[in-house]
Amino acid sequence: MAAFGAATSLLPWLLLLPAFGWGWFGRRGPKGANALLASTLSHLPYGLGVGAVMALGAGL
């Protein structure tokens, strides 16, 4: 499950952002934009929530 989460984060950083011309991990994005930090902070609570629900479901 963690590998899937890592892949869904890495693929946009390595494919999507360079396609926008922002470079790997969005380093050359617009001033003030931090694509790496923003996507990490938005995916982290989601992943923790999914993990918690799966852990609770496994205990039933």
Protein backbone atom coordinates (compact mmCIF):
# COMPACT_ATOMS: atom_id res chain seq x y z
CA MET A 1 0.00 0.00 0.00
CA ALA A 2 2.84 2.40 0.79
CA ALA A 3 4.41 1.69 -2.61
CA PHE A 4 1.20 2.75 -4.34
CA GLY A 5 1.12 5.96 -2.30
CA ALA A 6 4.75 6.70 -3.16
CA ALA A 7 4.12 6.05 -6.86
CA THR A 8 1.11 8.38 -6.95
CA SER A 9 3.28 11.13 -5.50
CA LEU A 10 6.42 10.48 -7.54
CA LEU A 11 4.79 10.22 -10.94
CA PRO A 12 3.37 13.76 -10.96
CA TRP A 13 6.67 15.16 -9.64
CA LEU A 14 8.67 13.36 -12.33
CA LEU A 15 6.22 13.47 -15.28
CA LEU A 16 3.45 16.03 -14.88
CA LEU A 17 5.37 19.00 -13.48
CA PRO A 18 8.17 18.72 -16.08
CA ALA A 19 5.47 18.58 -18.78
CA PHE A 20 4.27 21.97 -17.50
CA GLY A 21 7.84 23.26 -17.87
CA TRP A 22 8.36 23.42 -14.11
CA GLY A 23 11.22 20.89 -14.01
CA TRP A 24 11.53 17.86 -11.75
CA PHE A 25 9.66 18.24 -8.46
CA GLY A 26 8.36 21.62 -9.68
CA ARG A 27 11.57 23.47 -8.83
CA ARG A 28 11.21 25.95 -11.68
CA GLY A 29 7.55 26.71 -11.01
CA PRO A 30 6.08 30.17 -10.50
CA LYS A 31 7.58 32.30 -7.77
CA GLY A 32 6.04 31.45 -4.43
CA ALA A 33 4.76 28.07 -5.61
CA ASN A 34 6.19 25.01 -3.91
CA ALA A 35 4.63 22.05 -5.71
CA LEU A 36 6.61 19.46 -3.76
CA LEU A 37 5.54 20.80 -0.36
CA ALA A 38 1.95 21.47 -1.42
CA SER A 39 1.36 17.99 -2.82
CA THR A 40 3.05 16.32 0.14
CA LEU A 41 0.97 18.27 2.66
CA SER A 42 -2.25 17.55 0.80
CA HIS A 43 -1.59 13.83 0.33
CA LEU A 44 -0.33 13.12 3.84
CA PRO A 45 -3.64 13.54 5.72
CA TYR A 46 -5.48 11.64 3.01
CA GLY A 47 -3.07 8.71 3.23
CA LEU A 48 -3.24 8.69 7.02
CA GLY A 49 -7.03 8.68 6.87
CA VAL A 50 -7.12 5.81 4.40
CA GLY A 51 -4.62 3.88 6.54
CA ALA A 52 -6.69 4.47 9.69
CA VAL A 53 -9.90 3.30 8.01
CA MET A 54 -8.17 0.21 6.65
CA ALA A 55 -6.69 -0.57 10.07
CA LEU A 56 -10.10 -0.20 11.71
CA GLY A 57 -11.72 -2.34 9.02
CA ALA A 58 -9.14 -5.08 9.46
CA GLY A 59 -9.92 -5.21 13.17
CA LEU A 60 -13.62 -5.93 12.63
